[in-house]
Amino acid sequence: MNSLYLASQSPRRRELLTQIGVQYQMVSVDVPEQREACESPSDYVCRLALQKARAGFQALQSRRLCSSEELAKAVVLGADTLGVLGDEVFEKPLDHNHARQMLRQLSGASHQILSAVALVSGERHALRLVTTQVNFRELSDEEIDAYWASGEPCDKAGAYGIQGLGAVFVKSIEGSYSGVVGLPLTETAELLKDFCVPVWQAQD
């Protein structure tokens, strides 16, 4: 049985892994989230997920966070999520005005959430990308401002959290709910199985 390390500070991803009984340890990474010129949204989100997983594995090596025996059984998970409307990418809002702009664009429209998950172990890696369509109802400016004041949108791709107060904006989705939250669980569990990391473990 291999040991999993999560290269993410996202509380949503931690909660989702715990939800399916995956035991893991945290590893801190710093990967710049800057889209390259002419890079498609799908290429961008996949690159970030894989870079985070690779950076996590390198951190285990360089910082000597585990023994050589533990490193041989270490698997690092990296993930990234972003929203797409037309050709525009929606990441985390920079401020109130940016969040208001994004939510106005999403209002009454359908957009896509791209969620990529990558696993790295030694020289081996695997990657999955999940696309979900999210359909919003019409939003008023008063709702948008009140939502920002709640504090929830600050660290969310697309400036909303479907698992929280932002759920009232969503008419329907087509695809992976957990992918919209930040980690597509079906695909993640399949990858973990391939890397001999079990789900449904009893939590310590």
Protein backbone atom coordinates (compact mmCIF):
# COMPACT_ATOMS: atom_id res chain seq x y z
CA MET A 1 0.00 0.00 0.00
CA ASN A 2 1.36 3.41 -0.98
CA SER A 3 1.13 6.65 1.02
CA LEU A 4 -0.61 9.73 -0.38
CA TYR A 5 0.59 13.33 -0.07
CA LEU A 6 -1.68 16.22 -1.03
CA ALA A 7 0.07 19.14 -2.75
CA SER A 8 -2.76 21.61 -2.13
CA GLN A 9 -3.86 23.97 0.62
CA SER A 10 -7.48 23.85 -0.52
CA PRO A 11 -9.80 22.95 2.39
CA ARG A 12 -12.34 21.67 -0.17
CA ARG A 13 -9.91 19.09 -1.54
CA ARG A 14 -9.00 17.97 1.96
CA GLU A 15 -12.68 17.54 2.80
CA LEU A 16 -13.37 15.61 -0.40
CA LEU A 17 -10.50 13.18 0.18
CA THR A 18 -11.63 12.66 3.76
CA GLN A 19 -15.19 12.11 2.51
CA ILE A 20 -14.11 9.03 0.56
CA GLY A 21 -11.88 7.71 3.33
CA VAL A 22 -8.48 8.56 1.85
CA GLN A 23 -5.67 8.98 4.36
CA TYR A 24 -3.05 11.54 3.34
CA GLN A 25 -0.42 13.98 4.54
CA MET A 26 0.06 17.56 3.39
CA VAL A 27 3.05 18.85 1.44
CA SER A 28 3.44 22.56 0.78
CA VAL A 29 4.25 23.72 -2.76
CA ASP A 30 4.50 27.08 -4.49
CA VAL A 31 3.58 26.86 -8.18
CA PRO A 32 2.98 30.12 -10.09
CA GLU A 33 -0.51 30.15 -11.60
CA GLN A 34 0.12 32.09 -14.79
CA ARG A 35 -1.45 31.10 -18.09
CA GLU A 36 0.98 31.03 -20.98
CA ALA A 37 0.35 32.81 -24.27
CA CYS A 38 -1.87 30.77 -26.61
CA GLU A 39 -2.33 28.09 -23.92
CA SER A 40 -5.83 26.60 -23.99
CA PRO A 41 -7.81 26.48 -20.72
CA SER A 42 -7.67 22.66 -20.68
CA ASP A 43 -3.90 22.63 -21.26
CA TYR A 44 -3.48 25.28 -18.58
CA VAL A 45 -5.44 23.48 -15.85
CA CYS A 46 -3.76 20.16 -16.66
CA ARG A 47 -0.30 21.73 -16.59
CA LEU A 48 -0.91 23.30 -13.18
CA ALA A 49 -2.23 20.07 -11.67
CA LEU A 50 0.79 18.11 -12.90
CA GLN A 51 3.26 20.82 -11.88
CA LYS A 52 1.82 20.87 -8.36
CA ALA A 53 2.10 17.09 -8.05
CA ARG A 54 5.67 17.11 -9.37
CA ALA A 55 6.62 20.01 -7.09
CA GLY A 56 5.21 18.08 -4.15
CA PHE A 57 7.25 15.00 -4.96
CA GLN A 58 10.39 17.10 -5.41
CA ALA A 59 9.69 18.73 -2.03
CA LEU A 60 9.57 15.31 -0.37
CA GLN A 61 13.01 14.59 -1.86
CA SER A 62 14.74 17.93 -1.37
CA ARG A 63 13.36 18.71 2.10
CA ARG A 64 13.82 15.12 3.25
CA LEU A 65 10.26 15.07 4.54
CA CYS A 66 10.27 11.28 4.51
CA SER A 67 12.78 8.44 4.52
CA SER A 68 14.03 6.78 1.34
CA GLU A 69 11.80 3.82 2.11
CA GLU A 70 8.77 6.08 2.51
CA LEU A 71 9.68 8.03 -0.62
CA ALA A 72 9.62 4.81 -2.63
CA LYS A 73 5.97 4.38 -1.64
CA ALA A 74 5.00 8.06 -1.85
CA VAL A 75 2.31 9.27 -4.23
CA VAL A 76 1.63 13.01 -4.58
CA LEU A 77 -1.70 14.42 -5.71
CA GLY A 78 -1.95 17.81 -7.40
CA ALA A 79 -5.14 19.40 -8.68
CA ASP A 80 -6.43 22.59 -10.22
CA THR A 81 -9.86 23.97 -11.09
CA LEU A 82 -10.99 26.90 -13.20
CA GLY A 83 -14.08 28.22 -14.91
CA VAL A 84 -14.47 28.96 -18.60
CA LEU A 85 -17.08 31.09 -20.36
CA GLY A 86 -16.50 31.31 -24.08
CA ASP A 87 -12.79 32.03 -24.46
CA GLU A 88 -12.44 33.63 -21.03
CA VAL A 89 -10.86 31.86 -18.07
CA PHE A 90 -12.29 32.47 -14.59
CA GLU A 91 -9.85 31.88 -11.76
CA LYS A 92 -9.96 33.29 -8.22
CA PRO A 93 -11.13 36.92 -8.03
CA LEU A 94 -8.52 39.59 -7.40
CA ASP A 95 -10.93 41.85 -5.51
CA HIS A 96 -14.58 42.84 -5.12
CA ASN A 97 -14.81 44.49 -8.53
CA HIS A 98 -13.26 41.49 -10.25
CA ALA A 99 -15.68 39.13 -8.51
CA ARG A 100 -18.63 41.35 -9.44
CA GLN A 101 -17.50 41.38 -13.07
CA MET A 102 -17.20 37.59 -13.20
CA LEU A 103 -20.55 36.94 -11.53
CA ARG A 104 -22.30 39.40 -13.83
CA GLN A 105 -20.91 37.50 -16.79
CA LEU A 106 -21.98 34.15 -15.33
CA SER A 107 -25.47 35.45 -14.53
CA GLY A 108 -28.12 33.72 -16.65
CA ALA A 109 -25.46 31.87 -18.64
CA SER A 110 -23.90 28.42 -18.91
CA HIS A 111 -20.20 28.00 -18.23
CA GLN A 112 -17.76 25.13 -17.87
CA ILE A 113 -15.71 24.08 -14.87
CA LEU A 114 -12.48 22.31 -15.75
CA SER A 115 -11.01 20.22 -12.94
CA ALA A 116 -7.72 18.37 -13.40
CA VAL A 117 -6.15 15.86 -11.00
CA ALA A 118 -2.62 14.47 -11.31
CA LEU A 119 -0.69 11.80 -9.41
CA VAL A 120 3.09 11.54 -9.36
CA SER A 121 5.19 8.71 -7.91
CA GLY A 122 8.87 8.55 -8.80
CA GLU A 123 9.12 8.72 -12.59
CA ARG A 124 5.49 7.73 -13.06
CA HIS A 125 2.59 10.14 -13.46
CA ALA A 126 -1.06 10.10 -14.52
CA LEU A 127 -3.55 12.85 -15.23
CA ARG A 128 -7.31 13.17 -15.66
CA LEU A 129 -9.38 16.16 -16.78
CA VAL A 130 -13.10 16.49 -16.06
CA THR A 131 -15.38 19.10 -17.65
CA THR A 132 -18.72 20.02 -16.09
CA GLN A 133 -21.32 22.45 -17.43
CA VAL A 134 -22.87 24.75 -14.84
CA ASN A 135 -26.03 26.71 -15.56
CA PHE A 136 -26.67 29.91 -13.58
CA ARG A 137 -29.92 31.75 -13.02
CA GLU A 138 -30.10 35.53 -13.37
CA LEU A 139 -28.33 37.35 -10.52
CA SER A 140 -29.04 40.85 -9.26
CA ASP A 141 -26.30 43.32 -8.37
CA GLU A 142 -27.61 43.33 -4.79
CA GLU A 143 -27.21 39.55 -4.56
CA ILE A 144 -23.71 39.72 -5.99
CA ASP A 145 -22.61 42.40 -3.51
CA ALA A 146 -24.20 40.57 -0.58
CA TYR A 147 -22.49 37.36 -1.64
CA TRP A 148 -19.10 39.08 -1.75
CA ALA A 149 -19.73 40.49 1.72
CA SER A 150 -20.15 36.91 3.00
CA GLY A 151 -16.47 36.28 2.25
CA GLU A 152 -17.15 33.01 0.44
CA PRO A 153 -16.15 34.02 -3.13
CA CYS A 154 -12.67 35.30 -2.22
CA ASP A 155 -10.73 32.08 -2.87
CA LYS A 156 -13.06 30.33 -5.31
CA ALA A 157 -12.53 29.83 -9.04
CA GLY A 158 -15.24 31.80 -10.80
CA ALA A 159 -15.93 33.71 -7.56
CA TYR A 160 -18.49 31.23 -6.23
CA GLY A 161 -18.67 28.04 -4.19
CA ILE A 162 -21.30 25.53 -5.25
CA GLN A 163 -20.92 23.70 -1.93
CA GLY A 164 -21.80 26.83 0.06
CA LEU A 165 -23.95 29.93 -0.25
CA GLY A 166 -23.27 30.06 -3.99
CA ALA A 167 -25.44 26.98 -4.47
CA VAL A 168 -28.50 29.25 -4.76
CA PHE A 169 -27.12 30.66 -8.04
CA VAL A 170 -26.95 27.26 -9.76
CA LYS A 171 -29.97 26.07 -11.73
CA SER A 172 -28.38 22.80 -12.83
CA ILE A 173 -25.13 21.04 -13.65
CA GLU A 174 -24.18 18.45 -16.23
CA GLY A 175 -21.18 16.44 -15.07
CA SER A 176 -19.24 16.09 -11.83
CA TYR A 177 -20.47 17.97 -8.75
CA SER A 178 -17.27 17.20 -6.84
CA GLY A 179 -15.28 18.42 -9.85
CA VAL A 180 -16.98 21.81 -9.50
CA VAL A 181 -16.09 21.82 -5.80
CA GLY A 182 -12.45 21.17 -6.70
CA LEU A 183 -11.70 17.46 -7.03
CA PRO A 184 -13.58 14.98 -9.28
CA LEU A 185 -13.95 12.03 -6.92
CA THR A 186 -14.77 9.25 -9.38
CA GLU A 187 -11.71 9.97 -11.49
CA THR A 188 -9.54 10.59 -8.42
CA ALA A 189 -10.53 7.24 -6.90
CA GLU A 190 -9.71 5.48 -10.19
CA LEU A 191 -6.26 7.08 -10.27
CA LEU A 192 -5.61 6.24 -6.63
CA LYS A 193 -6.49 2.60 -7.29
CA ASP A 194 -3.99 2.51 -10.16
CA PHE A 195 -1.32 3.85 -7.76
CA CYS A 196 -2.26 1.38 -5.01
CA VAL A 197 -3.66 4.04 -2.67
CA PRO A 198 -6.89 2.72 -1.10
CA VAL A 199 -10.09 4.65 -0.51
CA TRP A 200 -12.67 3.94 2.21
CA GLN A 201 -10.02 3.64 4.93
CA ALA A 202 -10.90 4.10 8.58
CA GLN A 203 -9.70 7.55 9.63
CA ASP A 204 -7.20 7.78 12.48
